Amino acid sequence: MAKGVKPRVKVPKSASAGETITLKTLISHKMESGQRKDSDGNVIPRSIINRFTCDFDGQNVIDVTMEPAISTNPYFQFEAVVPSAGEFKFTWYDDDGSVYEKSKKIAVA
């Protein structure tokens, strides 16, 4: 597991049923390529976020496969329709097998 990884998401607290909202995500992650060496000359193992998903109450909203050229601290902004009150679950998958998750609830006003 990479050190200092911090997922952050921005979801409105409430929306009207059927409203399209904007979701924003950022994960703090160094994205090691596996080509650099530490001060002792040892190769630093590859650790790259390779997939991001967002689900709303178990229904997939977005599923992104990322390639090694993705930048450090990947940021995503996308839209989703809110059918009812529920919970968004955001998941990032790392090459090293680590999975980082963050959830946010949204109310229907």
Protein backbone atom coordinates (compact mmCIF):
# COMPACT_ATOMS: atom_id res chain seq x y z
CA MET A 1 0.00 0.00 0.00
CA ALA A 2 1.31 3.41 -0.96
CA LYS A 3 1.95 5.85 1.86
CA GLY A 4 0.06 9.11 2.26
CA VAL A 5 -2.79 8.18 -0.08
CA LYS A 6 -5.84 10.34 0.61
CA PRO A 7 -9.03 10.14 -1.46
CA ARG A 8 -11.23 13.24 -1.51
CA VAL A 9 -14.67 13.68 -3.04
CA LYS A 10 -17.11 16.54 -3.42
CA VAL A 11 -20.80 15.64 -3.61
CA PRO A 12 -23.68 18.08 -3.05
CA LYS A 13 -25.50 17.48 0.26
CA SER A 14 -28.85 17.37 -1.51
CA ALA A 15 -30.48 17.45 -4.93
CA SER A 16 -33.91 17.13 -6.48
CA ALA A 17 -34.99 13.69 -7.74
CA GLY A 18 -33.85 13.36 -11.36
CA GLU A 19 -31.41 16.28 -11.10
CA THR A 20 -28.02 16.07 -12.79
CA ILE A 21 -25.21 16.90 -10.36
CA THR A 22 -21.48 17.38 -10.73
CA LEU A 23 -19.17 15.08 -8.76
CA LYS A 24 -15.49 15.85 -8.18
CA THR A 25 -12.80 13.46 -6.98
CA LEU A 26 -9.10 13.74 -6.23
CA ILE A 27 -6.79 11.13 -4.79
CA SER A 28 -3.40 12.12 -3.41
CA HIS A 29 -1.07 9.44 -4.76
CA LYS A 30 2.58 9.59 -5.88
CA MET A 31 2.10 7.21 -8.83
CA GLU A 32 5.48 5.44 -8.78
CA SER A 33 6.42 4.19 -12.26
CA GLY A 34 8.72 1.40 -11.11
CA GLN A 35 11.62 2.98 -12.97
CA ARG A 36 13.06 5.21 -10.23
CA LYS A 37 15.59 4.14 -7.61
CA ASP A 38 15.85 5.05 -3.94
CA SER A 39 18.99 6.48 -2.30
CA ASP A 40 20.42 2.95 -1.89
CA GLY A 41 20.02 2.17 -5.59
CA ASN A 42 17.03 -0.16 -5.15
CA VAL A 43 14.17 0.08 -7.62
CA ILE A 44 11.07 1.67 -6.08
CA PRO A 45 8.19 -0.75 -6.82
CA ARG A 46 5.54 0.36 -9.30
CA SER A 47 2.42 1.74 -7.62
CA ILE A 48 -0.07 3.38 -9.98
CA ILE A 49 -3.82 3.90 -9.69
CA ASN A 50 -5.07 1.88 -12.66
CA ARG A 51 -8.86 2.01 -12.24
CA PHE A 52 -11.50 4.29 -10.77
CA THR A 53 -15.19 3.50 -10.26
CA CYS A 54 -18.19 5.30 -8.85
CA ASP A 55 -21.42 3.56 -7.89
CA PHE A 56 -24.72 4.94 -6.64
CA ASP A 57 -26.54 2.47 -4.39
CA GLY A 58 -24.88 -0.45 -6.20
CA GLN A 59 -25.48 0.90 -9.72
CA ASN A 60 -22.37 1.79 -11.70
CA VAL A 61 -22.10 5.48 -12.64
CA ILE A 62 -18.58 5.53 -14.12
CA ASP A 63 -15.75 3.02 -14.60
CA VAL A 64 -12.40 4.37 -15.82
CA THR A 65 -9.33 2.33 -16.72
CA MET A 66 -6.17 4.42 -16.43
CA GLU A 67 -2.90 3.89 -18.25
CA PRO A 68 0.60 4.35 -16.77
CA ALA A 69 0.88 7.90 -18.17
CA ILE A 70 -1.83 9.16 -15.76
CA SER A 71 -0.63 12.10 -13.70
CA THR A 72 0.17 12.20 -10.01
CA ASN A 73 -2.92 12.91 -7.87
CA PRO A 74 -5.55 12.04 -10.50
CA TYR A 75 -8.61 14.32 -10.55
CA PHE A 76 -11.98 13.44 -12.08
CA GLN A 77 -15.05 15.59 -12.57
CA PHE A 78 -18.21 14.06 -14.03
CA GLU A 79 -21.99 14.28 -13.90
CA ALA A 80 -24.58 11.87 -12.56
CA VAL A 81 -28.36 11.84 -12.29
CA VAL A 82 -29.71 11.43 -8.76
CA PRO A 83 -32.86 9.25 -8.90
CA SER A 84 -33.40 9.23 -5.13
CA ALA A 85 -31.65 9.71 -1.81
CA GLY A 86 -28.71 7.33 -1.51
CA GLU A 87 -24.97 6.90 -1.31
CA PHE A 88 -22.18 7.35 -3.82
CA LYS A 89 -19.26 4.96 -3.39
CA PHE A 90 -15.95 5.93 -4.99
CA THR A 91 -13.22 3.29 -5.43
CA TRP A 92 -9.63 3.58 -6.65
CA TYR A 93 -7.57 0.46 -7.49
CA ASP A 94 -3.76 0.43 -7.20
CA ASP A 95 -1.31 -1.80 -9.14
CA ASP A 96 0.01 -3.11 -5.83
CA GLY A 97 -3.43 -4.57 -4.97
CA SER A 98 -4.50 -1.77 -2.64
CA VAL A 99 -8.06 -0.47 -2.86
CA TYR A 100 -9.03 2.98 -1.59
CA GLU A 101 -12.68 3.82 -0.94
CA LYS A 102 -14.71 6.85 0.01
CA SER A 103 -18.50 7.15 0.35
CA LYS A 104 -20.81 10.16 0.47
CA LYS A 105 -24.56 10.27 1.03
CA ILE A 106 -26.90 12.59 -0.79
CA ALA A 107 -30.41 13.61 0.28
CA VAL A 108 -33.31 14.36 -2.04
CA ALA A 109 -34.91 17.70 -1.27
